[in-house]
Amino acid sequence: MKAARAILFGLDRRVIVGAVRVVIADEAPKVIMCDGEPFLPMPVPPGWDAKAVLAYGQERPFRADEGLLEVAASPREVAP
């Protein structure tokens, strides 16, 4: 187990909206919930040390069921 800092970015991926400390047992969390908002992993911004920090981007959920969180991604985030 280790502790890591996760930086939370807003919907535009430019503004930092918060930072949290996470404890990682095997792998980084797939979702971080902060103030009821889901944040999903994103690439660490250029020039940042990817080993020292995790980056998460805010998403807009469109459906949440028990054990399931679906997210509507913007076109710029969908791989070709």
N, C-alpha and C. Protein backbone atom coordinates (compact mmCIF):
# COMPACT_ATOMS: atom_id res chain seq x y z
N MET A 1 0.84 -1.18 0.00
CA MET A 1 0.00 0.00 0.00
C MET A 1 0.88 1.24 0.00
N LYS A 2 0.41 2.27 -0.70
CA LYS A 2 1.11 3.54 -0.71
C LYS A 2 0.11 4.67 -0.83
N ALA A 3 0.53 5.83 -0.42
CA ALA A 3 -0.32 7.02 -0.53
C ALA A 3 0.13 7.80 -1.76
N ALA A 4 -0.82 8.42 -2.43
CA ALA A 4 -0.52 9.23 -3.61
C ALA A 4 -1.43 10.46 -3.59
N ARG A 5 -1.00 11.49 -4.28
CA ARG A 5 -1.81 12.71 -4.42
C ARG A 5 -2.52 12.63 -5.77
N ALA A 6 -3.82 12.88 -5.74
CA ALA A 6 -4.61 12.92 -6.97
C ALA A 6 -5.09 14.36 -7.17
N ILE A 7 -4.76 14.92 -8.32
CA ILE A 7 -5.20 16.27 -8.67
C ILE A 7 -6.49 16.13 -9.47
N LEU A 8 -7.52 16.87 -9.08
CA LEU A 8 -8.82 16.80 -9.73
C LEU A 8 -9.00 18.01 -10.65
N PHE A 9 -9.21 17.75 -11.93
CA PHE A 9 -9.40 18.80 -12.92
C PHE A 9 -10.89 18.92 -13.27
N GLY A 10 -11.31 20.13 -13.60
CA GLY A 10 -12.70 20.37 -13.99
C GLY A 10 -13.02 19.81 -15.36
N LEU A 11 -14.22 20.09 -15.84
CA LEU A 11 -14.68 19.54 -17.11
C LEU A 11 -13.80 19.96 -18.28
N ASP A 12 -13.22 21.14 -18.22
CA ASP A 12 -12.40 21.61 -19.34
C ASP A 12 -10.98 21.06 -19.31
N ARG A 13 -10.61 20.35 -18.27
CA ARG A 13 -9.29 19.75 -18.08
C ARG A 13 -8.18 20.78 -17.94
N ARG A 14 -8.53 22.04 -17.65
CA ARG A 14 -7.52 23.09 -17.49
C ARG A 14 -7.45 23.63 -16.08
N VAL A 15 -8.56 23.62 -15.38
CA VAL A 15 -8.65 24.21 -14.05
C VAL A 15 -8.62 23.12 -13.00
N ILE A 16 -7.73 23.26 -12.03
CA ILE A 16 -7.68 22.33 -10.91
C ILE A 16 -8.78 22.71 -9.94
N VAL A 17 -9.64 21.74 -9.63
CA VAL A 17 -10.74 22.00 -8.70
C VAL A 17 -10.48 21.42 -7.32
N GLY A 18 -9.42 20.64 -7.18
CA GLY A 18 -9.11 20.08 -5.88
C GLY A 18 -7.97 19.10 -5.94
N ALA A 19 -7.55 18.69 -4.78
CA ALA A 19 -6.51 17.67 -4.65
C ALA A 19 -6.88 16.80 -3.46
N VAL A 20 -6.71 15.51 -3.62
CA VAL A 20 -7.03 14.56 -2.55
C VAL A 20 -5.88 13.58 -2.40
N ARG A 21 -5.80 12.99 -1.25
CA ARG A 21 -4.81 11.94 -0.99
C ARG A 21 -5.54 10.62 -1.08
N VAL A 22 -4.99 9.68 -1.83
CA VAL A 22 -5.61 8.36 -1.96
C VAL A 22 -4.61 7.31 -1.49
N VAL A 23 -5.14 6.22 -0.98
CA VAL A 23 -4.31 5.08 -0.59
C VAL A 23 -4.52 4.01 -1.64
N ILE A 24 -3.41 3.54 -2.21
CA ILE A 24 -3.47 2.58 -3.30
C ILE A 24 -2.97 1.23 -2.78
N ALA A 25 -3.82 0.22 -2.90
CA ALA A 25 -3.42 -1.12 -2.50
C ALA A 25 -2.72 -1.82 -3.68
N ASP A 26 -3.42 -1.98 -4.79
CA ASP A 26 -2.86 -2.64 -5.96
C ASP A 26 -2.75 -1.68 -7.15
N GLU A 27 -3.83 -0.97 -7.42
CA GLU A 27 -3.85 -0.03 -8.54
C GLU A 27 -4.66 1.20 -8.16
N ALA A 28 -4.47 2.27 -8.91
CA ALA A 28 -5.16 3.54 -8.62
C ALA A 28 -6.67 3.36 -8.79
N PRO A 29 -7.46 4.13 -8.03
CA PRO A 29 -8.92 4.02 -8.14
C PRO A 29 -9.40 4.37 -9.55
N LYS A 30 -10.45 3.69 -9.99
CA LYS A 30 -11.01 3.95 -11.31
C LYS A 30 -11.93 5.16 -11.29
N VAL A 31 -12.48 5.50 -10.13
CA VAL A 31 -13.35 6.66 -9.97
C VAL A 31 -13.07 7.29 -8.62
N ILE A 32 -13.00 8.61 -8.60
CA ILE A 32 -12.94 9.34 -7.34
C ILE A 32 -14.19 10.21 -7.29
N MET A 33 -14.95 10.09 -6.22
CA MET A 33 -16.14 10.92 -6.03
C MET A 33 -15.78 12.05 -5.07
N CYS A 34 -16.06 13.27 -5.47
CA CYS A 34 -15.78 14.43 -4.63
C CYS A 34 -16.96 15.38 -4.73
N ASP A 35 -17.58 15.68 -3.61
CA ASP A 35 -18.79 16.52 -3.58
C ASP A 35 -19.88 15.99 -4.51
N GLY A 36 -19.99 14.67 -4.61
CA GLY A 36 -21.01 14.06 -5.44
C GLY A 36 -20.70 14.06 -6.93
N GLU A 37 -19.52 14.50 -7.32
CA GLU A 37 -19.12 14.54 -8.72
C GLU A 37 -18.11 13.45 -9.01
N PRO A 38 -18.27 12.73 -10.14
CA PRO A 38 -17.30 11.69 -10.48
C PRO A 38 -16.10 12.27 -11.23
N PHE A 39 -14.93 11.75 -10.89
CA PHE A 39 -13.67 12.12 -11.55
C PHE A 39 -13.03 10.82 -12.02
N LEU A 40 -12.68 10.76 -13.31
CA LEU A 40 -12.08 9.57 -13.90
C LEU A 40 -10.63 9.84 -14.27
N PRO A 41 -9.80 8.78 -14.30
CA PRO A 41 -8.38 8.97 -14.64
C PRO A 41 -8.20 9.66 -15.98
N MET A 42 -7.20 10.50 -16.07
CA MET A 42 -6.84 11.18 -17.32
C MET A 42 -5.32 11.23 -17.39
N PRO A 43 -4.76 11.51 -18.56
CA PRO A 43 -3.30 11.63 -18.65
C PRO A 43 -2.79 12.79 -17.79
N VAL A 44 -1.63 12.59 -17.21
CA VAL A 44 -1.00 13.65 -16.42
C VAL A 44 -0.58 14.76 -17.39
N PRO A 45 -0.84 16.03 -17.06
CA PRO A 45 -0.48 17.12 -17.97
C PRO A 45 1.02 17.11 -18.31
N PRO A 46 1.37 17.57 -19.51
CA PRO A 46 2.78 17.62 -19.90
C PRO A 46 3.61 18.44 -18.91
N GLY A 47 4.79 17.96 -18.62
CA GLY A 47 5.67 18.66 -17.68
C GLY A 47 5.48 18.25 -16.23
N TRP A 48 4.46 17.49 -15.93
CA TRP A 48 4.22 17.01 -14.57
C TRP A 48 4.92 15.67 -14.40
N ASP A 49 5.30 15.37 -13.19
CA ASP A 49 5.93 14.08 -12.88
C ASP A 49 4.83 13.04 -12.67
N ALA A 50 4.67 12.17 -13.65
CA ALA A 50 3.60 11.16 -13.59
C ALA A 50 3.78 10.17 -12.45
N LYS A 51 5.00 10.03 -11.92
CA LYS A 51 5.22 9.11 -10.81
C LYS A 51 4.82 9.73 -9.47
N ALA A 52 4.76 11.06 -9.41
CA ALA A 52 4.49 11.73 -8.15
C ALA A 52 3.02 12.07 -7.95
N VAL A 53 2.24 12.09 -9.04
CA VAL A 53 0.86 12.56 -8.94
C VAL A 53 -0.04 11.79 -9.91
N LEU A 54 -1.29 11.64 -9.53
CA LEU A 54 -2.31 11.06 -10.40
C LEU A 54 -3.21 12.19 -10.86
N ALA A 55 -3.74 12.10 -12.05
CA ALA A 55 -4.64 13.14 -12.56
C ALA A 55 -6.00 12.52 -12.85
N TYR A 56 -7.05 13.23 -12.45
CA TYR A 56 -8.42 12.80 -12.67
C TYR A 56 -9.22 13.97 -13.23
N GLY A 57 -10.04 13.70 -14.23
CA GLY A 57 -10.87 14.73 -14.84
C GLY A 57 -12.32 14.54 -14.49
N GLN A 58 -13.00 15.64 -14.24
CA GLN A 58 -14.42 15.60 -13.89
C GLN A 58 -15.24 15.13 -15.09
N GLU A 59 -16.25 14.34 -14.84
CA GLU A 59 -17.14 13.84 -15.88
C GLU A 59 -18.58 14.18 -15.51
N ARG A 60 -19.43 14.18 -16.51
CA ARG A 60 -20.86 14.39 -16.28
C ARG A 60 -21.56 13.03 -16.38
N PRO A 61 -22.02 12.50 -15.26
CA PRO A 61 -22.71 11.21 -15.34
C PRO A 61 -24.08 11.40 -15.96
N PHE A 62 -24.51 10.42 -16.74
CA PHE A 62 -25.86 10.49 -17.26
C PHE A 62 -26.74 9.38 -16.73
N ARG A 63 -26.16 8.43 -16.04
CA ARG A 63 -26.95 7.36 -15.43
C ARG A 63 -26.15 6.73 -14.31
N ALA A 64 -26.75 6.56 -13.17
CA ALA A 64 -26.08 5.90 -12.06
C ALA A 64 -27.05 4.90 -11.43
N ASP A 65 -26.67 3.65 -11.47
CA ASP A 65 -27.43 2.58 -10.83
C ASP A 65 -26.53 1.97 -9.77
N GLU A 66 -27.10 1.16 -8.92
CA GLU A 66 -26.29 0.51 -7.89
C GLU A 66 -25.16 -0.28 -8.55
N GLY A 67 -23.95 0.06 -8.21
CA GLY A 67 -22.79 -0.64 -8.74
C GLY A 67 -22.40 -0.25 -10.16
N LEU A 68 -23.08 0.76 -10.75
CA LEU A 68 -22.80 1.16 -12.13
C LEU A 68 -22.84 2.67 -12.26
N LEU A 69 -21.84 3.23 -12.90
CA LEU A 69 -21.81 4.65 -13.19
C LEU A 69 -21.44 4.80 -14.65
N GLU A 70 -22.40 5.24 -15.47
CA GLU A 70 -22.14 5.48 -16.88
C GLU A 70 -21.88 6.97 -17.07
N VAL A 71 -20.99 7.29 -17.99
CA VAL A 71 -20.59 8.68 -18.18
C VAL A 71 -20.69 9.04 -19.65
N ALA A 72 -21.20 10.22 -19.91
CA ALA A 72 -21.23 10.73 -21.27
C ALA A 72 -19.95 11.50 -21.51
N ALA A 73 -19.10 11.02 -22.40
CA ALA A 73 -17.83 11.66 -22.69
C ALA A 73 -18.02 12.65 -23.83
N SER A 74 -17.27 13.73 -23.79
CA SER A 74 -17.31 14.69 -24.87
C SER A 74 -16.58 14.13 -26.07
N PRO A 75 -16.85 14.61 -27.28
CA PRO A 75 -16.21 14.05 -28.48
C PRO A 75 -14.68 14.12 -28.44
N ARG A 76 -14.11 15.13 -27.80
CA ARG A 76 -12.65 15.26 -27.77
C ARG A 76 -11.99 14.19 -26.92
N GLU A 77 -12.77 13.49 -26.09
CA GLU A 77 -12.22 12.47 -25.20
C GLU A 77 -12.39 11.07 -25.77
N VAL A 78 -13.08 10.92 -26.88
CA VAL A 78 -13.32 9.61 -27.46
C VAL A 78 -12.21 9.30 -28.45
N ALA A 79 -11.58 8.17 -28.27
CA ALA A 79 -10.50 7.77 -29.17
C ALA A 79 -11.06 7.39 -30.53
N PRO A 80 -10.34 7.69 -31.62
CA PRO A 80 -10.82 7.34 -32.97
C PRO A 80 -10.83 5.84 -33.20
